Amino acid sequence: MSTPTVVALHSLGLDSGSFDAWAHAVSPRYRWDGEDLAGHGSRAGLRNATLATMARTVGDRISALDGVHLVGHSLGGAVAALAAAAAPPGAVRSLILIATPPQGFPSFAERAEPVAATGSMAPVVEPTLHRWFAPAEPAADTPSIRYCRARLTSLPPNTWITAWRSFAQFGGYAELGAALPPTLLISGAADQSTSPEQVGAIRPHVPRAVGHEIVADAGHMLIFDHADELATISCRFWQTTEEQQ
């Protein structure tokens, strides 16, 4: 039996390396395929960093594989949902949405404005780290905070502007939900960027949603500091999904 593949989509401003700890924790049971979204990492040169462009690129990757487990964190969750809904039957075996909002909000477009006004990422790096890692302070300078600071600092400003403005227009799950595969929601109990209540608002719109796991003492960047717990939760979900299929 072939090793199942996990395709993972990162948050706005980061890259596929943000999943390294989680990927290591589920190896060798699952083959991890981290994708850099348009405008990020190895795809930083792709300027049209809209959710639609990202979802099409992910769809192309999914079509080249044989039934994947799809994971999306934050903005990556919205992209994962769009890609899963558009995929042929059976192409996406399951979906995990982590710390992702139920829809776009006007405040998302507002996050683009300091960068649009200055042409620089400098005004948003520290406020973003504070939102992501609260209640911890970015001054703690942990490896995960250093990693995120470096990725944000090097992000093309146009990616930040385009992606946030596109995310603000995300229509949510009222129409997408019926087309999604078995779906698990995960959130951090202490997330000050996307609360468990916001993540939980997705569930009524997804008929095949199987549950909502809330990780204690975890913030928005739980993929770094709670990777082992995420591995336990995800492997249990994937195994159940595989047995039922």
C-alpha atoms as a PDB file:
ATOM      1  CA  MET A   1       0.000   0.000   0.000  1.00  0.00           C
ATOM      2  CA  SER A   2       1.413   3.402  -0.977  1.00  0.00           C
ATOM      3  CA  THR A   3       2.162   6.039   1.638  1.00  0.00           C
ATOM      4  CA  PRO A   4      -0.657   8.632   1.736  1.00  0.00           C
ATOM      5  CA  THR A   5       0.317  12.174   0.737  1.00  0.00           C
ATOM      6  CA  VAL A   6      -0.443  15.285   2.777  1.00  0.00           C
ATOM      7  CA  VAL A   7      -0.505  18.583   0.854  1.00  0.00           C
ATOM      8  CA  ALA A   8      -0.100  21.513   3.261  1.00  0.00           C
ATOM      9  CA  LEU A   9      -0.792  25.201   2.596  1.00  0.00           C
ATOM     10  CA  HIS A  10       0.780  27.849   4.797  1.00  0.00           C
ATOM     11  CA  SER A  11      -0.340  31.173   6.247  1.00  0.00           C
ATOM     12  CA  LEU A  12      -0.025  34.495   4.438  1.00  0.00           C
ATOM     13  CA  GLY A  13       3.550  35.730   4.775  1.00  0.00           C
ATOM     14  CA  LEU A  14       5.211  32.393   5.522  1.00  0.00           C
ATOM     15  CA  ASP A  15       6.167  29.424   3.338  1.00  0.00           C
ATOM     16  CA  SER A  16       6.042  25.636   3.289  1.00  0.00           C
ATOM     17  CA  GLY A  17       8.843  25.413   5.858  1.00  0.00           C
ATOM     18  CA  SER A  18       6.414  26.517   8.557  1.00  0.00           C
ATOM     19  CA  PHE A  19       5.137  22.921   8.681  1.00  0.00           C
ATOM     20  CA  ASP A  20       8.546  21.262   9.174  1.00  0.00           C
ATOM     21  CA  ALA A  21       7.960  20.161  12.770  1.00  0.00           C
ATOM     22  CA  TRP A  22       4.520  18.719  12.004  1.00  0.00           C
ATOM     23  CA  ALA A  23       5.821  16.999   8.856  1.00  0.00           C
ATOM     24  CA  HIS A  24       8.618  15.406  10.846  1.00  0.00           C
ATOM     25  CA  ALA A  25       6.154  14.201  13.494  1.00  0.00           C
ATOM     26  CA  VAL A  26       3.965  12.303  11.003  1.00  0.00           C
ATOM     27  CA  SER A  27       6.840  10.796   8.997  1.00  0.00           C
ATOM     28  CA  PRO A  28       7.138   8.051   7.740  1.00  0.00           C
ATOM     29  CA  ARG A  29       3.434   7.256   8.039  1.00  0.00           C
ATOM     30  CA  TYR A  30       2.592  10.107   5.645  1.00  0.00           C
ATOM     31  CA  ARG A  31       4.483  11.751   2.825  1.00  0.00           C
ATOM     32  CA  TRP A  32       4.426  15.509   3.380  1.00  0.00           C
ATOM     33  CA  ASP A  33       4.137  17.803   0.355  1.00  0.00           C
ATOM     34  CA  GLY A  34       4.411  21.423   1.511  1.00  0.00           C
ATOM     35  CA  GLU A  35       3.427  23.918  -1.171  1.00  0.00           C
ATOM     36  CA  ASP A  36       4.653  27.517  -1.425  1.00  0.00           C
ATOM     37  CA  LEU A  37       1.660  29.665  -2.325  1.00  0.00           C
ATOM     38  CA  ALA A  38       1.856  32.261  -5.088  1.00  0.00           C
ATOM     39  CA  GLY A  39       4.047  35.197  -4.060  1.00  0.00           C
ATOM     40  CA  HIS A  40       5.738  33.226  -1.250  1.00  0.00           C
ATOM     41  CA  GLY A  41       8.960  31.273  -0.848  1.00  0.00           C
ATOM     42  CA  SER A  42      10.031  29.562  -4.055  1.00  0.00           C
ATOM     43  CA  ARG A  43       7.080  31.234  -5.812  1.00  0.00           C
ATOM     44  CA  ALA A  44       7.876  34.776  -4.645  1.00  0.00           C
ATOM     45  CA  GLY A  45       8.206  35.859  -8.263  1.00  0.00           C
ATOM     46  CA  LEU A  46       4.522  35.158  -8.961  1.00  0.00           C
ATOM     47  CA  ARG A  47       2.941  38.556  -8.482  1.00  0.00           C
ATOM     48  CA  ASN A  48      -0.773  37.710  -8.735  1.00  0.00           C
ATOM     49  CA  ALA A  49      -1.117  36.465  -5.159  1.00  0.00           C
ATOM     50  CA  THR A  50      -4.915  36.212  -5.077  1.00  0.00           C
ATOM     51  CA  LEU A  51      -6.760  33.340  -3.441  1.00  0.00           C
ATOM     52  CA  ALA A  52      -8.053  32.271  -6.853  1.00  0.00           C
ATOM     53  CA  THR A  53      -4.540  32.064  -8.311  1.00  0.00           C
ATOM     54  CA  MET A  54      -3.293  30.153  -5.278  1.00  0.00           C
ATOM     55  CA  ALA A  55      -6.194  27.697  -5.450  1.00  0.00           C
ATOM     56  CA  ARG A  56      -5.627  27.024  -9.155  1.00  0.00           C
ATOM     57  CA  THR A  57      -1.941  26.290  -8.559  1.00  0.00           C
ATOM     58  CA  VAL A  58      -2.800  23.944  -5.699  1.00  0.00           C
ATOM     59  CA  GLY A  59      -5.434  22.291  -7.878  1.00  0.00           C
ATOM     60  CA  ASP A  60      -2.808  21.558 -10.499  1.00  0.00           C
ATOM     61  CA  ARG A  61      -0.627  19.931  -7.843  1.00  0.00           C
ATOM     62  CA  ILE A  62      -3.485  17.862  -6.456  1.00  0.00           C
ATOM     63  CA  SER A  63      -4.388  16.582  -9.911  1.00  0.00           C
ATOM     64  CA  ALA A  64      -0.863  15.173 -10.266  1.00  0.00           C
ATOM     65  CA  LEU A  65      -1.242  13.075  -7.099  1.00  0.00           C
ATOM     66  CA  ASP A  66      -3.430  10.136  -6.132  1.00  0.00           C
ATOM     67  CA  GLY A  67      -5.941  11.196  -3.488  1.00  0.00           C
ATOM     68  CA  VAL A  68      -4.402  13.586  -0.950  1.00  0.00           C
ATOM     69  CA  HIS A  69      -5.099  14.759   2.563  1.00  0.00           C
ATOM     70  CA  LEU A  70      -5.227  18.553   2.312  1.00  0.00           C
ATOM     71  CA  VAL A  71      -4.223  20.877   5.168  1.00  0.00           C
ATOM     72  CA  GLY A  72      -4.557  24.653   5.301  1.00  0.00           C
ATOM     73  CA  HIS A  73      -3.419  27.084   7.995  1.00  0.00           C
ATOM     74  CA  SER A  74      -4.998  30.560   8.275  1.00  0.00           C
ATOM     75  CA  LEU A  75      -5.201  32.009   4.729  1.00  0.00           C
ATOM     76  CA  GLY A  76      -3.984  28.609   3.547  1.00  0.00           C
ATOM     77  CA  GLY A  77      -7.210  27.156   4.914  1.00  0.00           C
ATOM     78  CA  ALA A  78      -9.319  29.327   2.636  1.00  0.00           C
ATOM     79  CA  VAL A  79      -7.115  28.365  -0.310  1.00  0.00           C
ATOM     80  CA  ALA A  80      -7.385  24.685   0.643  1.00  0.00           C
ATOM     81  CA  ALA A  81     -11.178  24.901   0.797  1.00  0.00           C
ATOM     82  CA  LEU A  82     -11.369  26.564  -2.622  1.00  0.00           C
ATOM     83  CA  ALA A  83      -9.044  23.946  -4.128  1.00  0.00           C
ATOM     84  CA  ALA A  84     -10.875  21.030  -2.494  1.00  0.00           C
ATOM     85  CA  ALA A  85     -14.270  22.266  -3.651  1.00  0.00           C
ATOM     86  CA  ALA A  86     -13.036  22.504  -7.241  1.00  0.00           C
ATOM     87  CA  ALA A  87     -11.198  19.168  -7.262  1.00  0.00           C
ATOM     88  CA  PRO A  88     -12.575  16.063  -9.010  1.00  0.00           C
ATOM     89  CA  PRO A  89     -14.295  13.479  -6.772  1.00  0.00           C
ATOM     90  CA  GLY A  90     -11.751  11.487  -4.779  1.00  0.00           C
ATOM     91  CA  ALA A  91      -8.840  13.835  -5.495  1.00  0.00           C
ATOM     92  CA  VAL A  92      -8.978  15.209  -1.929  1.00  0.00           C
ATOM     93  CA  ARG A  93      -9.595  12.504   0.651  1.00  0.00           C
ATOM     94  CA  SER A  94      -9.886  14.852   3.619  1.00  0.00           C
ATOM     95  CA  LEU A  95      -9.439  18.462   4.660  1.00  0.00           C
ATOM     96  CA  ILE A  96      -7.998  20.004   7.833  1.00  0.00           C
ATOM     97  CA  LEU A  97      -8.606  23.724   8.417  1.00  0.00           C
ATOM     98  CA  ILE A  98      -6.400  25.265  11.103  1.00  0.00           C
ATOM     99  CA  ALA A  99      -6.989  28.708  12.612  1.00  0.00           C
ATOM    100  CA  THR A 100      -8.787  29.866   9.488  1.00  0.00           C
ATOM    101  CA  PRO A 101     -11.632  32.402   9.516  1.00  0.00           C
ATOM    102  CA  PRO A 102     -15.164  31.627   8.328  1.00  0.00           C
ATOM    103  CA  GLN A 103     -15.106  34.380   5.689  1.00  0.00           C
ATOM    104  CA  GLY A 104     -13.237  37.494   4.625  1.00  0.00           C
ATOM    105  CA  PHE A 105     -13.603  40.696   6.667  1.00  0.00           C
ATOM    106  CA  PRO A 106     -13.002  44.395   5.869  1.00  0.00           C
ATOM    107  CA  SER A 107     -10.233  44.419   8.485  1.00  0.00           C
ATOM    108  CA  PHE A 108      -8.225  42.115   6.217  1.00  0.00           C
ATOM    109  CA  ALA A 109      -8.052  44.753   3.503  1.00  0.00           C
ATOM    110  CA  GLU A 110      -7.030  47.317   6.135  1.00  0.00           C
ATOM    111  CA  ARG A 111      -3.954  45.226   6.954  1.00  0.00           C
ATOM    112  CA  ALA A 112      -2.711  45.871   3.421  1.00  0.00           C
ATOM    113  CA  GLU A 113      -2.802  49.656   3.722  1.00  0.00           C
ATOM    114  CA  PRO A 114       0.404  50.399   5.708  1.00  0.00           C
ATOM    115  CA  VAL A 115       2.397  48.433   3.129  1.00  0.00           C
ATOM    116  CA  ALA A 116       0.542  50.020   0.214  1.00  0.00           C
ATOM    117  CA  ALA A 117       1.290  53.473   1.646  1.00  0.00           C
ATOM    118  CA  THR A 118       5.003  52.895   2.270  1.00  0.00           C
ATOM    119  CA  GLY A 119       5.985  50.203  -0.229  1.00  0.00           C
ATOM    120  CA  SER A 120       7.681  48.368   2.653  1.00  0.00           C
ATOM    121  CA  MET A 121       6.868  45.473   4.965  1.00  0.00           C
ATOM    122  CA  ALA A 122       8.480  47.282   7.896  1.00  0.00           C
ATOM    123  CA  PRO A 123       5.285  48.812   9.372  1.00  0.00           C
ATOM    124  CA  VAL A 124       3.498  45.452   9.690  1.00  0.00           C
ATOM    125  CA  VAL A 125       6.157  42.951  10.771  1.00  0.00           C
ATOM    126  CA  GLU A 126       6.083  43.451  14.551  1.00  0.00           C
ATOM    127  CA  PRO A 127       2.300  44.017  14.824  1.00  0.00           C
ATOM    128  CA  THR A 128       1.752  40.820  12.844  1.00  0.00           C
ATOM    129  CA  LEU A 129       4.100  38.836  15.075  1.00  0.00           C
ATOM    130  CA  HIS A 130       2.288  40.163  18.130  1.00  0.00           C
ATOM    131  CA  ARG A 131      -1.072  39.054  16.710  1.00  0.00           C
ATOM    132  CA  TRP A 132       0.269  35.663  15.713  1.00  0.00           C
ATOM    133  CA  PHE A 133       2.151  34.801  18.905  1.00  0.00           C
ATOM    134  CA  ALA A 134       0.121  36.563  21.625  1.00  0.00           C
ATOM    135  CA  PRO A 135       0.067  36.184  24.566  1.00  0.00           C
ATOM    136  CA  ALA A 136       3.827  35.640  24.100  1.00  0.00           C
ATOM    137  CA  GLU A 137       5.757  38.754  23.157  1.00  0.00           C
ATOM    138  CA  PRO A 138       7.740  38.880  19.875  1.00  0.00           C
ATOM    139  CA  ALA A 139      10.664  40.187  21.929  1.00  0.00           C
ATOM    140  CA  ALA A 140      10.980  36.641  23.315  1.00  0.00           C
ATOM    141  CA  ASP A 141      12.872  35.937  20.085  1.00  0.00           C
ATOM    142  CA  THR A 142      12.247  32.194  19.952  1.00  0.00           C
ATOM    143  CA  PRO A 143      13.290  30.208  16.857  1.00  0.00           C
ATOM    144  CA  SER A 144       9.714  30.246  15.551  1.00  0.00           C
ATOM    145  CA  ILE A 145       9.430  34.019  16.010  1.00  0.00           C
ATOM    146  CA  ARG A 146      12.783  34.545  14.287  1.00  0.00           C
ATOM    147  CA  TYR A 147      11.638  32.329  11.425  1.00  0.00           C
ATOM    148  CA  CYS A 148       8.383  34.245  10.972  1.00  0.00           C
ATOM    149  CA  ARG A 149      10.104  37.633  11.277  1.00  0.00           C
ATOM    150  CA  ALA A 150      12.559  36.673   8.547  1.00  0.00           C
ATOM    151  CA  ARG A 151       9.813  35.480   6.216  1.00  0.00           C
ATOM    152  CA  LEU A 152       7.692  38.561   6.748  1.00  0.00           C
ATOM    153  CA  THR A 153      10.622  40.917   6.290  1.00  0.00           C
ATOM    154  CA  SER A 154      11.583  39.307   2.980  1.00  0.00           C
ATOM    155  CA  LEU A 155       8.038  39.008   1.620  1.00  0.00           C
ATOM    156  CA  PRO A 156       7.417  41.018  -1.560  1.00  0.00           C
ATOM    157  CA  PRO A 157       5.189  43.943  -0.480  1.00  0.00           C
ATOM    158  CA  ASN A 158       2.873  43.364  -3.441  1.00  0.00           C
ATOM    159  CA  THR A 159       2.169  39.839  -2.180  1.00  0.00           C
ATOM    160  CA  TRP A 160       1.048  41.185   1.194  1.00  0.00           C
ATOM    161  CA  ILE A 161      -1.161  43.836  -0.393  1.00  0.00           C
ATOM    162  CA  THR A 162      -2.768  41.590  -3.010  1.00  0.00           C
ATOM    163  CA  ALA A 163      -3.307  38.615  -0.715  1.00  0.00           C
ATOM    164  CA  TRP A 164      -4.955  40.595   2.092  1.00  0.00           C
ATOM    165  CA  ARG A 165      -7.234  42.441  -0.311  1.00  0.00           C
ATOM    166  CA  SER A 166      -8.200  39.155  -1.934  1.00  0.00           C
ATOM    167  CA  PHE A 167      -8.740  37.458   1.434  1.00  0.00           C
ATOM    168  CA  ALA A 168     -11.092  40.267   2.439  1.00  0.00           C
ATOM    169  CA  GLN A 169     -13.336  39.229  -0.457  1.00  0.00           C
ATOM    170  CA  PHE A 170     -13.442  35.528   0.509  1.00  0.00           C
ATOM    171  CA  GLY A 171     -17.121  34.596   0.601  1.00  0.00           C
ATOM    172  CA  GLY A 172     -16.882  31.839   3.177  1.00  0.00           C
ATOM    173  CA  TYR A 173     -18.361  28.366   3.325  1.00  0.00           C
ATOM    174  CA  ALA A 174     -22.089  28.800   2.677  1.00  0.00           C
ATOM    175  CA  GLU A 175     -21.593  27.737  -0.950  1.00  0.00           C
ATOM    176  CA  LEU A 176     -18.269  25.878  -0.651  1.00  0.00           C
ATOM    177  CA  GLY A 177     -19.252  23.658   2.249  1.00  0.00           C
ATOM    178  CA  ALA A 178     -21.371  21.109   0.424  1.00  0.00           C
ATOM    179  CA  ALA A 179     -18.513  20.310  -1.960  1.00  0.00           C
ATOM    180  CA  LEU A 180     -15.913  19.650   0.733  1.00  0.00           C
ATOM    181  CA  PRO A 181     -14.629  16.190   1.766  1.00  0.00           C
ATOM    182  CA  PRO A 182     -14.553  14.993   5.397  1.00  0.00           C
ATOM    183  CA  THR A 183     -13.297  18.071   7.230  1.00  0.00           C
ATOM    184  CA  LEU A 184     -11.700  18.614  10.619  1.00  0.00           C
ATOM    185  CA  LEU A 185     -11.422  22.065  12.199  1.00  0.00           C
ATOM    186  CA  ILE A 186      -8.547  22.886  14.551  1.00  0.00           C
ATOM    187  CA  SER A 187      -7.987  26.062  16.521  1.00  0.00           C
ATOM    188  CA  GLY A 188      -5.843  27.372  19.358  1.00  0.00           C
ATOM    189  CA  ALA A 189      -7.656  28.174  22.574  1.00  0.00           C
ATOM    190  CA  ALA A 190      -5.584  31.348  23.051  1.00  0.00           C
ATOM    191  CA  ASP A 191      -5.610  32.476  19.395  1.00  0.00           C
ATOM    192  CA  GLN A 192      -6.035  36.265  19.307  1.00  0.00           C
ATOM    193  CA  SER A 193      -6.019  36.407  15.502  1.00  0.00           C
ATOM    194  CA  THR A 194      -8.707  33.824  14.665  1.00  0.00           C
ATOM    195  CA  SER A 195     -10.631  32.742  17.739  1.00  0.00           C
ATOM    196  CA  PRO A 196     -12.063  29.244  18.262  1.00  0.00           C
ATOM    197  CA  GLU A 197     -15.503  30.812  17.926  1.00  0.00           C
ATOM    198  CA  GLN A 198     -14.633  32.100  14.461  1.00  0.00           C
ATOM    199  CA  VAL A 199     -13.231  28.748  13.369  1.00  0.00           C
ATOM    200  CA  GLY A 200     -16.264  26.984  14.808  1.00  0.00           C
ATOM    201  CA  ALA A 201     -18.569  29.166  12.699  1.00  0.00           C
ATOM    202  CA  ILE A 202     -17.407  27.181   9.653  1.00  0.00           C
ATOM    203  CA  ARG A 203     -18.859  23.891  10.897  1.00  0.00           C
ATOM    204  CA  PRO A 204     -22.593  24.465  10.265  1.00  0.00           C
ATOM    205  CA  HIS A 205     -21.848  25.107   6.580  1.00  0.00           C
ATOM    206  CA  VAL A 206     -19.845  21.917   6.006  1.00  0.00           C
ATOM    207  CA  PRO A 207     -22.096  18.817   6.039  1.00  0.00           C
ATOM    208  CA  ARG A 208     -19.117  16.451   6.238  1.00  0.00           C
ATOM    209  CA  ALA A 209     -17.365  18.281   9.074  1.00  0.00           C
ATOM    210  CA  VAL A 210     -16.462  15.677  11.688  1.00  0.00           C
ATOM    211  CA  GLY A 211     -15.363  17.854  14.578  1.00  0.00           C
ATOM    212  CA  HIS A 212     -13.547  20.861  15.998  1.00  0.00           C
ATOM    213  CA  GLU A 213     -10.399  20.282  18.028  1.00  0.00           C
ATOM    214  CA  ILE A 214      -9.325  23.165  20.298  1.00  0.00           C
ATOM    215  CA  VAL A 215      -5.705  22.969  21.406  1.00  0.00           C
ATOM    216  CA  ALA A 216      -5.175  24.276  24.946  1.00  0.00           C
ATOM    217  CA  ASP A 217      -2.702  27.133  25.506  1.00  0.00           C
ATOM    218  CA  ALA A 218      -2.150  27.507  21.758  1.00  0.00           C
ATOM    219  CA  GLY A 219      -2.162  30.707  19.727  1.00  0.00           C
ATOM    220  CA  HIS A 220      -2.451  31.349  16.021  1.00  0.00           C
ATOM    221  CA  MET A 221       0.952  29.797  15.283  1.00  0.00           C
ATOM    222  CA  LEU A 222       0.203  26.484  16.977  1.00  0.00           C
ATOM    223  CA  ILE A 223       1.864  24.716  14.030  1.00  0.00           C
ATOM    224  CA  PHE A 224       5.229  25.560  15.603  1.00  0.00           C
ATOM    225  CA  ASP A 225       4.850  24.920  19.309  1.00  0.00           C
ATOM    226  CA  HIS A 226       2.156  22.221  19.240  1.00  0.00           C
ATOM    227  CA  ALA A 227       3.320  20.125  16.284  1.00  0.00           C
ATOM    228  CA  ASP A 228       3.294  16.836  18.207  1.00  0.00           C
ATOM    229  CA  GLU A 229      -0.271  17.395  19.362  1.00  0.00           C
ATOM    230  CA  LEU A 230      -1.307  18.326  15.826  1.00  0.00           C
ATOM    231  CA  ALA A 231       0.345  15.153  14.558  1.00  0.00           C
ATOM    232  CA  THR A 232      -1.671  13.042  16.993  1.00  0.00           C
ATOM    233  CA  ILE A 233      -4.930  14.761  16.083  1.00  0.00           C
ATOM    234  CA  SER A 234      -4.327  14.672  12.335  1.00  0.00           C
ATOM    235  CA  CYS A 235      -3.111  11.072  12.148  1.00  0.00           C
ATOM    236  CA  ARG A 236      -6.172   9.896  14.062  1.00  0.00           C
ATOM    237  CA  PHE A 237      -8.420  11.807  11.644  1.00  0.00           C
ATOM    238  CA  TRP A 238      -6.605  10.603   8.529  1.00  0.00           C
ATOM    239  CA  GLN A 239      -6.641   6.994   9.661  1.00  0.00           C
ATOM    240  CA  THR A 240     -10.372   7.127  10.375  1.00  0.00           C
ATOM    241  CA  THR A 241     -11.015   8.747   7.007  1.00  0.00           C
ATOM    242  CA  GLU A 242      -8.969   6.107   5.190  1.00  0.00           C
ATOM    243  CA  GLU A 243     -10.776   3.277   6.964  1.00  0.00           C
ATOM    244  CA  GLN A 244     -14.151   4.691   6.007  1.00  0.00           C
ATOM    245  CA  GLN A 245     -13.170   5.070   2.368  1.00  0.00           C
END
